[in-house]
């Protein structure tokens, strides 16, 4: 991590990496700087821009870089160096060569070298001044050949791991979930007290139906015996049947679970009572409540009046969408909003109605409501790239650059072949001043677009390929004639014979006309 941080700091400070190209003569003896300067020719530089390595996830930099003549001012501006690399390299190389070529008389050699060095320094000052003047006016003809011949060098830099790690899709989704919590897969348990009372009503209704079935059996037995019992005796007989068969206990067990739910959800009692008076008071309240709810349930279940049927919706979601689009085209935005709200009332858990409603709000320039609709879309489905792109663009308009960058990165990571997503991401990066990343992102979009166009051209060429049919051989013709029915052969024979007869009759008529003319 420290190495990556240092490299990132170095590239940010100096984005250009110089590659110097020169031609040098092999030294034959220890020489001073005067000879070193004279041995350098064809001095050119290729400036490699290493800023693309700071793009998140980038591990390779490859390209062809143009070689330009060496210019000291340009070199210092781009590399922030006081001297070039070639001078240091030549000095080190000559030092190594001098050490290898020293003879036993080091003292004499040292004296001669020092004299040459002092003489060289005395003459080097005016020489450097003249060289600076020449470089400022024009480059040498030798280095100018790099421009004339359009020379370039190919460099390929590969890193073991990226300098700036690209965020994973799971991390991006986690950040989106922090901003917009997703909808739960199952509905949240709400109004549990009302649900407990409804369950109690349903159980009372079921027990009531079972008791009615038992009472009907008692009445059928009375009809078969032809002895009509009074209602009081029928009631006693029914109670006897329920108690003797164990059905009364089964009915109580059936109601037991719903009563427990009412105690927990409605009265919020989950622990034991320490005081007997509180227990007795609670039982009295519970008894009154259960009795009242039982009467309500019985009144509903034993009511013979049929409830009015609820009319179904006359329009489907597709029809409402067409009506809304038609109202938009006519400029009636209030009516269009009414149709969109009807769609949401029918399908509030679907993505498409919310997405269309957000597009409608963008049309009428209501950005706040459009953002709310897109939040609902993201809560329903976080992995939809279209919704992520729209939400990123909307936040870019609202100057929420961090949120916009998060959703643009999510969209391009989720759908890496989406040209629109990469293009909009490049425009956004240019808008916030990140020119380098904008160029790289736009280059990816152009590369994808070229690949798509090439694929379409290949498919079109394959579709328009005309298959040339081969001529029918004699063997195939004979097989076709064998397979042909007999009637068709007879028809062809008669046609050919008729044509021959017509030709013969025409020739006879021509002969007879000639003979008649000769007689005349």
Protein backbone atom coordinates (compact mmCIF):
# COMPACT_ATOMS: atom_id res chain seq x y z
CA UNK A 1 0.00 0.00 0.00
CA UNK A 2 2.81 2.45 0.80
CA UNK A 3 4.48 1.74 -2.55
CA UNK A 4 1.23 2.30 -4.42
CA UNK A 5 0.68 5.53 -2.51
CA UNK A 6 4.19 6.78 -3.34
CA UNK A 7 3.78 5.86 -6.99
CA UNK A 8 0.41 7.59 -7.10
CA UNK A 9 1.95 10.72 -5.58
CA UNK A 10 4.84 10.64 -8.07
CA UNK A 11 2.55 10.24 -11.09
CA UNK A 12 0.29 13.03 -9.82
CA UNK A 13 3.29 15.34 -9.38
CA UNK A 14 5.09 14.38 -12.62
CA UNK A 15 2.70 12.71 -15.09
CA UNK A 16 5.30 12.36 -17.87
CA UNK A 17 8.00 9.68 -17.96
CA UNK A 18 10.85 10.58 -20.38
CA UNK A 19 12.51 7.96 -22.57
CA UNK A 20 15.66 9.48 -24.12
CA UNK A 21 17.22 8.12 -27.30
CA UNK A 22 20.76 9.10 -28.38
CA UNK A 23 23.62 7.88 -30.48
CA UNK A 24 26.98 7.64 -28.70
CA UNK A 25 30.49 6.74 -29.74
CA UNK A 26 32.35 4.05 -27.82
CA UNK A 27 35.12 5.72 -25.78
CA UNK A 28 38.62 4.42 -26.37
CA UNK A 29 40.40 6.15 -23.51
CA UNK A 30 39.52 8.06 -20.36
CA UNK A 31 38.10 11.36 -21.45
CA UNK A 32 36.63 14.42 -19.87
CA UNK A 33 33.25 16.00 -20.29
CA UNK A 34 34.25 17.74 -23.49
CA UNK A 35 34.60 14.47 -25.32
CA UNK A 36 31.43 13.16 -23.66
CA UNK A 37 29.39 16.02 -25.06
CA UNK A 38 30.92 15.59 -28.47
CA UNK A 39 30.02 11.86 -28.53
CA UNK A 40 26.24 12.42 -28.18
CA UNK A 41 24.17 12.83 -31.34
CA UNK A 42 20.60 12.29 -32.53
CA UNK A 43 19.26 13.25 -29.09
CA UNK A 44 15.49 12.60 -29.01
CA UNK A 45 12.89 12.18 -26.27
CA UNK A 46 9.57 10.30 -26.06
CA UNK A 47 7.27 11.57 -23.29
CA UNK A 48 5.08 8.79 -21.85
CA UNK A 49 1.98 10.02 -20.08
CA UNK A 50 1.53 7.74 -17.07
CA UNK A 51 -1.70 9.37 -15.81
CA UNK A 52 -3.88 6.54 -17.27
CA UNK A 53 -2.33 4.21 -14.67
CA UNK A 54 -4.25 6.19 -12.03
CA UNK A 55 -7.57 5.07 -13.54
CA UNK A 56 -9.30 2.69 -11.09
CA UNK A 57 -8.41 -0.90 -11.94
CA UNK A 58 -5.80 -0.03 -14.61
CA UNK A 59 -2.84 -2.44 -14.68
CA UNK A 60 -1.41 -1.89 -18.17
CA UNK A 61 -0.21 1.04 -20.25
CA UNK A 62 0.66 0.35 -23.86
CA UNK A 63 1.01 2.68 -26.81
CA UNK A 64 3.13 4.18 -29.58
CA UNK A 65 4.78 7.43 -28.51
CA UNK A 66 6.21 10.01 -30.89
CA UNK A 67 9.92 10.84 -30.63
CA UNK A 68 10.65 14.58 -30.63
CA UNK A 69 14.00 16.42 -30.63
CA UNK A 70 15.43 17.18 -27.21
CA UNK A 71 14.52 20.62 -25.93
CA UNK A 72 15.85 21.57 -22.52
CA UNK A 73 13.01 23.96 -21.66
CA UNK A 74 10.31 21.47 -22.61
CA UNK A 75 12.18 18.69 -20.83
CA UNK A 76 12.36 20.61 -17.54
CA UNK A 77 8.72 21.67 -17.78
CA UNK A 78 7.37 18.16 -18.29
CA UNK A 79 9.74 16.14 -16.09
CA UNK A 80 10.51 18.68 -13.30
CA UNK A 81 14.20 17.66 -13.58
CA UNK A 82 17.18 20.03 -13.61
CA UNK A 83 19.27 17.79 -15.87
CA UNK A 84 18.49 15.01 -18.30
CA UNK A 85 18.97 11.29 -17.77
CA UNK A 86 21.49 10.88 -20.61
CA UNK A 87 24.11 13.09 -18.92
CA UNK A 88 23.90 11.05 -15.74
CA UNK A 89 23.99 7.77 -17.65
CA UNK A 90 27.01 8.86 -19.72
CA UNK A 91 28.87 10.04 -16.64
CA UNK A 92 28.29 6.71 -14.88
CA UNK A 93 29.26 4.74 -18.00
CA UNK A 94 32.47 6.72 -18.47
CA UNK A 95 33.37 6.29 -14.82
CA UNK A 96 33.01 2.55 -15.16
CA UNK A 97 35.07 2.61 -18.36
CA UNK A 98 37.75 4.75 -16.74
CA UNK A 99 38.09 2.37 -13.81
CA UNK A 100 38.55 -0.60 -16.08
CA UNK A 101 41.15 1.13 -18.23
CA UNK A 102 43.34 2.53 -15.46
CA UNK A 103 46.91 1.29 -15.57
CA UNK A 104 49.31 0.79 -12.72
CA UNK A 105 50.48 4.43 -12.77
CA UNK A 106 47.35 5.89 -11.19
CA UNK A 107 49.06 8.99 -9.96
CA UNK A 108 50.20 10.20 -13.38
CA UNK A 109 46.85 9.34 -14.85
CA UNK A 110 45.10 11.28 -12.12
CA UNK A 111 47.22 14.36 -12.77
CA UNK A 112 46.58 14.28 -16.50
CA UNK A 113 42.88 13.73 -15.98
CA UNK A 114 42.70 16.65 -13.52
CA UNK A 115 44.46 18.92 -15.99
CA UNK A 116 42.10 17.92 -18.73
CA UNK A 117 39.15 18.46 -16.41
CA UNK A 118 40.31 21.98 -15.47
CA UNK A 119 40.91 22.82 -19.08
CA UNK A 120 37.55 21.39 -20.00
CA UNK A 121 35.76 23.47 -17.35
CA UNK A 122 37.44 26.61 -18.58
CA UNK A 123 36.16 26.08 -22.09
CA UNK A 124 32.81 24.51 -21.16
CA UNK A 125 31.15 27.75 -19.96
CA UNK A 126 31.12 29.58 -23.30
CA UNK A 127 30.33 26.31 -25.05
CA UNK A 128 27.21 25.77 -22.92
CA UNK A 129 26.10 29.32 -23.57
CA UNK A 130 26.38 28.83 -27.30
CA UNK A 131 24.56 25.49 -27.09
CA UNK A 132 21.70 27.06 -25.13
CA UNK A 133 21.40 29.74 -27.74
CA UNK A 134 21.35 27.19 -30.54
CA UNK A 135 18.71 25.05 -28.81
CA UNK A 136 16.48 28.03 -28.19
CA UNK A 137 16.66 29.09 -31.82
CA UNK A 138 16.36 25.75 -33.58
CA UNK A 139 16.97 22.07 -33.05
CA UNK A 140 19.85 20.26 -34.66
CA UNK A 141 19.41 18.74 -38.07
CA UNK A 142 20.22 15.31 -36.69
CA UNK A 143 17.40 15.35 -34.12
CA UNK A 144 15.09 16.98 -36.66
CA UNK A 145 15.11 13.70 -38.58
CA UNK A 146 12.87 12.20 -35.87
CA UNK A 147 10.12 14.58 -36.95
CA UNK A 148 10.76 14.21 -40.67
CA UNK A 149 10.48 10.43 -40.56
CA UNK A 150 7.65 10.37 -37.94
CA UNK A 151 9.66 8.18 -35.61
CA UNK A 152 7.94 6.57 -32.67
CA UNK A 153 8.62 4.01 -29.97
CA UNK A 154 6.24 1.38 -28.57
CA UNK A 155 6.16 1.08 -24.78
CA UNK A 156 4.28 -1.57 -22.79
CA UNK A 157 4.06 -1.17 -18.98
CA UNK A 158 2.36 -3.92 -16.96
CA UNK A 159 1.70 -3.74 -13.20
CA UNK A 160 1.13 -6.68 -10.87
CA UNK A 161 -1.84 -4.90 -9.30
CA UNK A 162 -3.55 -1.58 -9.98
CA UNK A 163 -2.35 1.55 -8.23
CA UNK A 164 -5.96 2.49 -7.41
CA UNK A 165 -8.14 -0.54 -6.76
CA UNK A 166 -11.46 -0.68 -8.58
CA UNK A 167 -14.39 -1.00 -6.23
CA UNK A 168 -16.25 -4.29 -6.36
CA UNK A 169 -19.89 -4.50 -7.35
CA UNK A 170 -20.88 -5.78 -3.91
CA UNK A 171 -19.28 -2.74 -2.28
CA UNK A 172 -21.11 -0.41 -4.65
CA UNK A 173 -24.43 -2.11 -3.92
CA UNK A 174 -23.75 -1.80 -0.20
CA UNK A 175 -23.21 1.95 -0.55
CA UNK A 176 -26.42 2.23 -2.60
CA UNK A 177 -28.28 0.29 0.09
CA UNK A 178 -27.02 2.77 2.67
CA UNK A 179 -28.42 5.63 0.58
CA UNK A 180 -31.64 3.92 -0.53
CA UNK A 181 -32.73 0.90 1.55
CA UNK A 182 -34.12 -1.87 -0.68
CA UNK A 183 -37.64 -3.11 -0.32
CA UNK A 184 -37.91 -6.36 1.66
CA UNK A 185 -38.61 -9.55 -0.24
CA UNK A 186 -41.60 -10.20 2.01
CA UNK A 187 -44.03 -7.54 3.26
CA UNK A 188 -43.35 -6.09 6.67
CA UNK A 189 -45.71 -7.22 9.39
CA UNK A 190 -47.96 -4.23 10.05
CA UNK A 191 -51.25 -3.88 11.94
CA UNK A 192 -50.63 -7.16 13.75
CA UNK A 193 -53.38 -6.39 16.30
CA UNK A 194 -55.97 -5.99 13.55
CA UNK A 195 -54.68 -9.16 11.92
CA UNK A 196 -55.10 -11.07 15.21
CA UNK A 197 -58.71 -9.87 15.53
CA UNK A 198 -59.42 -10.86 11.92
CA UNK A 199 -58.01 -14.33 12.57
CA UNK A 200 -60.26 -14.63 15.63
CA UNK A 201 -63.29 -13.66 13.52
CA UNK A 202 -62.38 -16.28 10.95
CA UNK A 203 -62.00 -19.01 13.59
CA UNK A 204 -65.35 -18.07 15.14
CA UNK A 205 -66.93 -18.30 11.71
CA UNK A 206 -65.42 -21.75 11.12
CA UNK A 207 -66.59 -23.05 14.51
CA UNK A 208 -70.05 -21.60 13.87
CA UNK A 209 -70.30 -23.52 10.59
CA UNK A 210 -69.24 -26.74 12.31
CA UNK A 211 -71.86 -26.28 15.06
CA UNK A 212 -74.52 -25.62 12.43
CA UNK A 213 -73.61 -28.88 10.71
CA UNK A 214 -74.04 -30.73 14.01
CA UNK A 215 -77.38 -29.02 14.62
CA UNK A 216 -78.60 -30.05 11.17
CA UNK A 217 -77.78 -33.65 11.99
CA UNK A 218 -79.92 -33.40 15.16
CA UNK A 219 -82.81 -31.98 13.13
CA UNK A 220 -82.48 -34.75 10.52
CA UNK A 221 -82.66 -37.38 13.25
CA UNK A 222 -85.87 -35.80 14.55
CA UNK A 223 -87.41 -35.85 11.08
CA UNK A 224 -86.57 -39.54 10.64
CA UNK A 225 -88.17 -40.46 13.98
CA UNK A 226 -91.26 -38.34 13.18
CA UNK A 227 -91.10 -36.89 16.70
CA UNK A 228 -90.77 -33.10 16.75
CA UNK A 229 -88.78 -32.03 19.80
CA UNK A 230 -88.94 -28.54 21.25
CA UNK A 231 -85.96 -26.25 20.74
CA UNK A 232 -84.82 -26.58 24.34
CA UNK A 233 -84.51 -30.36 24.00
CA UNK A 234 -82.71 -29.96 20.67
CA UNK A 235 -80.22 -27.63 22.36
CA UNK A 236 -79.59 -30.12 25.17
CA UNK A 237 -79.19 -32.93 22.67
CA UNK A 238 -76.69 -30.86 20.68
CA UNK A 239 -74.66 -30.06 23.79
CA UNK A 240 -74.68 -33.73 24.77
CA UNK A 241 -73.41 -34.74 21.32
CA UNK A 242 -70.65 -32.14 21.44
CA UNK A 243 -69.49 -33.10 24.94
CA UNK A 244 -69.75 -36.87 24.48
CA UNK A 245 -67.87 -36.95 21.17
CA UNK A 246 -65.11 -34.54 22.26
CA UNK A 247 -65.97 -31.97 19.59
CA UNK A 248 -66.56 -29.28 22.19
CA UNK A 249 -62.95 -29.65 23.38
CA UNK A 250 -61.74 -29.61 19.73
CA UNK A 251 -63.61 -26.35 19.08
CA UNK A 252 -62.01 -24.75 22.15
CA UNK A 253 -58.56 -25.83 20.96
CA UNK A 254 -59.31 -24.36 17.55
CA UNK A 255 -60.06 -20.97 19.13
CA UNK A 256 -57.17 -21.17 21.60
CA UNK A 257 -54.41 -20.09 19.19
CA UNK A 258 -56.33 -17.03 17.94
CA UNK A 259 -57.08 -15.98 21.55
CA UNK A 260 -53.36 -16.21 22.41
CA UNK A 261 -52.54 -13.96 19.44
CA UNK A 262 -55.07 -11.39 20.65
CA UNK A 263 -53.52 -11.42 24.13
CA UNK A 264 -50.03 -10.85 22.70
CA UNK A 265 -50.77 -8.48 19.83
CA UNK A 266 -53.83 -6.57 21.03
CA UNK A 267 -53.27 -6.42 24.80
CA UNK A 268 -49.45 -6.69 24.56
CA UNK A 269 -49.21 -9.20 27.42
CA UNK A 270 -46.33 -11.69 27.14
CA UNK A 271 -45.37 -12.32 30.79
CA UNK A 272 -47.07 -13.83 33.83
CA UNK A 273 -49.12 -11.80 36.32
CA UNK A 274 -47.63 -11.41 39.79
CA UNK A 275 -50.75 -9.88 41.31
CA UNK A 276 -53.95 -12.01 41.30
CA UNK A 277 -56.13 -8.89 41.21
CA UNK A 278 -54.47 -7.72 38.00
CA UNK A 279 -54.97 -11.18 36.53
CA UNK A 280 -58.67 -11.14 37.38
CA UNK A 281 -59.10 -7.65 35.92
CA UNK A 282 -57.32 -8.65 32.74
CA UNK A 283 -59.45 -11.80 32.35
CA UNK A 284 -62.61 -9.74 32.74
CA UNK A 285 -61.48 -7.27 30.07
CA UNK A 286 -60.44 -10.08 27.76
CA UNK A 287 -63.76 -11.88 28.21
CA UNK A 288 -65.78 -8.78 27.36
CA UNK A 289 -63.60 -8.08 24.33
CA UNK A 290 -63.82 -11.67 23.01
CA UNK A 291 -67.57 -11.73 23.52
CA UNK A 292 -68.08 -8.50 21.60
CA UNK A 293 -65.86 -9.64 18.74
CA UNK A 294 -67.65 -12.99 18.65
CA UNK A 295 -70.99 -11.22 18.23
CA UNK A 296 -69.56 -9.09 15.41
CA UNK A 297 -68.25 -12.17 13.66
CA UNK A 298 -71.55 -14.03 14.04
CA UNK A 299 -73.53 -11.09 12.74
CA UNK A 300 -71.32 -10.93 9.65
CA UNK A 301 -71.32 -14.68 9.01
CA UNK A 302 -75.07 -15.20 9.59
CA UNK A 303 -76.13 -12.21 7.51
CA UNK A 304 -78.10 -13.48 4.50
CA UNK A 305 -77.66 -10.28 2.51
CA UNK A 306 -75.00 -10.77 -0.12
CA UNK A 307 -72.41 -8.00 -0.30
CA UNK A 308 -72.22 -5.95 -3.43
CA UNK A 309 -69.51 -7.26 -5.74
CA UNK A 310 -66.53 -4.97 -6.25
CA UNK A 311 -66.30 -4.08 -9.93
CA UNK A 312 -62.97 -5.10 -11.43
CA UNK A 313 -60.67 -2.54 -12.96
CA UNK A 314 -61.76 -1.74 -16.48
CA UNK A 315 -58.30 -0.77 -17.75
CA UNK A 316 -55.13 -2.82 -17.69
CA UNK A 317 -51.66 -1.45 -17.01
CA UNK A 318 -50.78 -1.44 -20.72
CA UNK A 319 -53.94 0.49 -21.57
CA UNK A 320 -53.32 3.06 -18.84
CA UNK A 321 -49.78 3.55 -20.14
CA UNK A 322 -51.10 4.21 -23.65
CA UNK A 323 -53.65 6.69 -22.28
CA UNK A 324 -50.92 8.50 -20.32
CA UNK A 325 -48.61 8.74 -23.35
CA UNK A 326 -51.47 10.04 -25.48
CA UNK A 327 -52.27 12.69 -22.87
CA UNK A 328 -48.57 13.67 -22.82
CA UNK A 329 -48.52 14.08 -26.60
CA UNK A 330 -51.63 16.28 -26.39
CA UNK A 331 -50.06 18.44 -23.68
CA UNK A 332 -52.62 17.47 -21.03
CA UNK A 333 -50.15 16.77 -18.22
CA UNK A 334 -52.79 16.67 -15.47
CA UNK A 335 -54.64 13.85 -17.19
CA UNK A 336 -51.36 12.03 -17.87
CA UNK A 337 -50.43 12.28 -14.17
CA UNK A 338 -53.87 10.87 -13.28
CA UNK A 339 -53.29 7.80 -15.47
CA UNK A 340 -49.80 7.29 -14.04
CA UNK A 341 -51.19 7.40 -10.50
CA UNK A 342 -53.80 4.79 -11.46
CA UNK A 343 -50.99 2.54 -12.68
CA UNK A 344 -49.16 2.97 -9.37
CA UNK A 345 -52.35 2.22 -7.43
CA UNK A 346 -52.71 -1.09 -9.29
CA UNK A 347 -49.02 -2.11 -9.39
CA UNK A 348 -47.09 -0.23 -6.72
CA UNK A 349 -44.56 -3.07 -6.38
CA UNK A 350 -43.63 -3.13 -10.08
CA UNK A 351 -40.63 -1.29 -11.53
CA UNK A 352 -42.08 -0.10 -14.83
CA UNK A 353 -44.88 2.18 -13.52
CA UNK A 354 -42.44 4.02 -11.23
CA UNK A 355 -39.88 4.37 -14.02
CA UNK A 356 -42.47 5.79 -16.44
CA UNK A 357 -43.73 8.18 -13.76
CA UNK A 358 -40.17 9.42 -13.14
CA UNK A 359 -39.71 10.01 -16.88
CA UNK A 360 -42.96 12.01 -16.85
CA UNK A 361 -41.68 14.20 -14.00
CA UNK A 362 -38.44 14.77 -15.92
CA UNK A 363 -40.54 15.83 -18.89
CA UNK A 364 -42.37 18.47 -16.84
CA UNK A 365 -39.05 19.47 -15.14
CA UNK A 366 -40.10 18.34 -11.67
CA UNK A 367 -36.72 16.99 -10.56
CA UNK A 368 -37.60 16.41 -6.91
CA UNK A 369 -40.53 14.10 -7.66
CA UNK A 370 -38.51 12.40 -10.39
CA UNK A 371 -35.81 11.65 -7.81
CA UNK A 372 -38.42 10.19 -5.43
CA UNK A 373 -39.76 7.91 -8.17
CA UNK A 374 -36.25 6.75 -9.07
CA UNK A 375 -35.59 5.99 -5.40
CA UNK A 376 -38.66 3.74 -5.43
CA UNK A 377 -37.29 2.04 -8.55
CA UNK A 378 -33.94 1.43 -6.86
CA UNK A 379 -35.68 0.12 -3.76
CA UNK A 380 -37.52 -2.41 -5.95
CA UNK A 381 -34.53 -3.43 -8.12
CA UNK A 382 -31.02 -2.20 -7.38
CA UNK A 383 -29.36 -4.06 -10.27
CA UNK A 384 -31.20 -2.23 -13.07
CA UNK A 385 -28.60 -0.31 -15.08
CA UNK A 386 -31.15 2.00 -16.73
CA UNK A 387 -32.42 3.22 -13.36
CA UNK A 388 -28.84 3.68 -12.11
CA UNK A 389 -27.95 5.80 -15.17
CA UNK A 390 -31.05 7.98 -14.80
CA UNK A 391 -30.45 8.49 -11.09
CA UNK A 392 -26.79 9.36 -11.76
CA UNK A 393 -27.73 11.91 -14.43
CA UNK A 394 -30.36 13.45 -12.15
CA UNK A 395 -27.87 13.80 -9.28
CA UNK A 396 -25.34 15.32 -11.67
CA UNK A 397 -27.94 17.94 -12.60
CA UNK A 398 -28.62 18.56 -8.90
CA UNK A 399 -24.83 18.88 -8.28
CA UNK A 400 -24.68 15.78 -6.05
CA UNK A 401 -21.39 14.73 -7.62
CA UNK A 402 -20.44 12.00 -5.12
CA UNK A 403 -23.78 10.23 -5.50
CA UNK A 404 -23.68 10.65 -9.28
CA UNK A 405 -20.16 9.19 -9.47
CA UNK A 406 -21.24 6.22 -7.33
CA UNK A 407 -24.18 5.37 -9.59
CA UNK A 408 -22.23 5.94 -12.81
CA UNK A 409 -19.53 3.56 -11.57
CA UNK A 410 -22.20 1.03 -10.56
CA UNK A 411 -23.89 1.23 -13.98
CA UNK A 412 -20.63 0.76 -15.90
CA UNK A 413 -19.56 -2.10 -13.64
CA UNK A 414 -22.93 -3.84 -13.82
CA UNK A 415 -23.28 -3.45 -17.62
CA UNK A 416 -19.74 -3.06 -18.93
CA UNK A 417 -20.85 -3.13 -22.59
CA UNK A 418 -23.32 -0.24 -22.30
CA UNK A 419 -21.99 2.50 -24.60
CA UNK A 420 -24.48 5.08 -23.30
CA UNK A 421 -23.37 4.52 -19.70
CA UNK A 422 -19.67 4.94 -20.55
CA UNK A 423 -20.36 8.05 -22.67
CA UNK A 424 -22.44 9.75 -19.97
CA UNK A 425 -19.80 8.84 -17.39
CA UNK A 426 -17.13 10.50 -19.54
CA UNK A 427 -19.26 13.65 -19.90
CA UNK A 428 -19.79 13.75 -16.14
CA UNK A 429 -16.06 13.34 -15.43
CA UNK A 430 -15.29 16.19 -17.82
CA UNK A 431 -17.97 18.28 -16.12
CA UNK A 432 -16.35 17.87 -12.69
CA UNK A 433 -12.88 18.62 -14.10
CA UNK A 434 -11.41 15.11 -14.24
CA UNK A 435 -10.06 15.43 -17.78
CA UNK A 436 -7.70 12.43 -17.71
CA UNK A 437 -10.32 9.92 -16.58
CA UNK A 438 -12.82 11.48 -18.98
CA UNK A 439 -10.51 10.76 -21.94
CA UNK A 440 -9.97 7.16 -20.82
CA UNK A 441 -13.68 6.56 -20.24
CA UNK A 442 -14.59 8.09 -23.59
CA UNK A 443 -11.96 5.89 -25.25
CA UNK A 444 -13.65 2.82 -23.77
CA UNK A 445 -17.01 3.99 -25.11
CA UNK A 446 -15.57 4.52 -28.60
CA UNK A 447 -13.92 1.10 -28.52
CA UNK A 448 -17.22 -0.56 -27.58
CA UNK A 449 -19.07 1.37 -30.29
CA UNK A 450 -16.57 0.28 -32.95
CA UNK A 451 -16.92 -3.35 -31.83
CA UNK A 452 -20.72 -3.13 -32.01
CA UNK A 453 -20.66 -1.56 -35.48
CA UNK A 454 -18.20 -4.17 -36.73
CA UNK A 455 -20.41 -6.95 -35.38
CA UNK A 456 -23.46 -5.46 -37.10
CA UNK A 457 -21.58 -5.16 -40.39
CA UNK A 458 -20.47 -8.80 -40.16
CA UNK A 459 -24.03 -9.92 -39.49
CA UNK A 460 -25.35 -7.86 -42.40
CA UNK A 461 -22.70 -9.29 -44.73
CA UNK A 462 -23.56 -12.82 -43.63
CA UNK A 463 -27.29 -12.18 -44.17
CA UNK A 464 -26.82 -10.77 -47.69
CA UNK A 465 -24.60 -13.65 -48.79
CA UNK A 466 -26.15 -15.14 -51.95
CA UNK A 467 -25.79 -18.87 -52.26
CA UNK A 468 -25.05 -19.92 -55.84
CA UNK A 469 -26.96 -23.03 -56.86
CA UNK A 470 -24.91 -25.65 -58.61
CA UNK A 471 -26.00 -26.84 -62.09
CA UNK A 472 -28.06 -30.01 -62.27
CA UNK A 473 -25.97 -32.99 -63.28
CA UNK A 474 -27.09 -35.65 -65.80
CA UNK A 475 -27.47 -38.25 -63.06
CA UNK A 476 -29.83 -36.00 -61.08
CA UNK A 477 -31.82 -35.26 -64.23
CA UNK A 478 -32.24 -38.97 -64.92
CA UNK A 479 -33.39 -39.54 -61.32
CA UNK A 480 -35.94 -36.74 -61.68
CA UNK A 481 -37.26 -38.24 -64.90
CA UNK A 482 -37.62 -41.62 -63.22
CA UNK A 483 -39.52 -40.09 -60.32
CA UNK A 484 -41.83 -38.12 -62.63
CA UNK A 485 -45.37 -39.57 -63.06
CA UNK A 486 -46.35 -41.36 -66.27
CA UNK A 487 -49.06 -38.84 -67.20
CA UNK A 488 -46.55 -35.99 -67.32
CA UNK A 489 -44.31 -37.98 -69.69
CA UNK A 490 -47.29 -38.64 -72.03
CA UNK A 491 -48.21 -34.97 -72.03
CA UNK A 492 -44.67 -33.99 -72.97
CA UNK A 493 -44.61 -36.63 -75.76
CA UNK A 494 -47.92 -35.36 -77.19
CA UNK A 495 -46.69 -31.78 -77.03
CA UNK A 496 -43.50 -32.67 -78.88
CA UNK A 497 -45.44 -34.66 -81.51
CA UNK A 498 -47.91 -31.81 -82.00
CA UNK A 499 -45.05 -29.41 -82.54
CA UNK A 500 -43.52 -31.77 -85.10
CA UNK A 501 -46.87 -32.07 -86.93
CA UNK A 502 -47.24 -28.32 -87.03
CA UNK A 503 -43.79 -27.96 -88.56
CA UNK A 504 -44.56 -30.66 -91.18
CA UNK A 505 -47.89 -29.08 -92.11
CA UNK A 506 -46.28 -25.68 -92.51
CA UNK A 507 -43.61 -27.12 -94.81
CA UNK A 508 -46.30 -28.82 -96.97
CA UNK A 509 -48.30 -25.63 -97.28
CA UNK A 510 -45.21 -23.74 -98.36
CA UNK A 511 -44.42 -26.37 -101.02
CA UNK A 512 -47.98 -26.34 -102.41
CA UNK A 513 -47.98 -22.55 -102.66
CA UNK A 514 -44.70 -22.61 -104.58
CA UNK A 515 -45.98 -25.22 -107.07
CA UNK A 516 -49.17 -23.23 -107.74
CA UNK A 517 -47.18 -20.12 -108.46
CA UNK A 518 -44.97 -22.01 -110.94
CA UNK A 519 -48.04 -23.35 -112.83
CA UNK A 520 -49.44 -19.88 -113.17
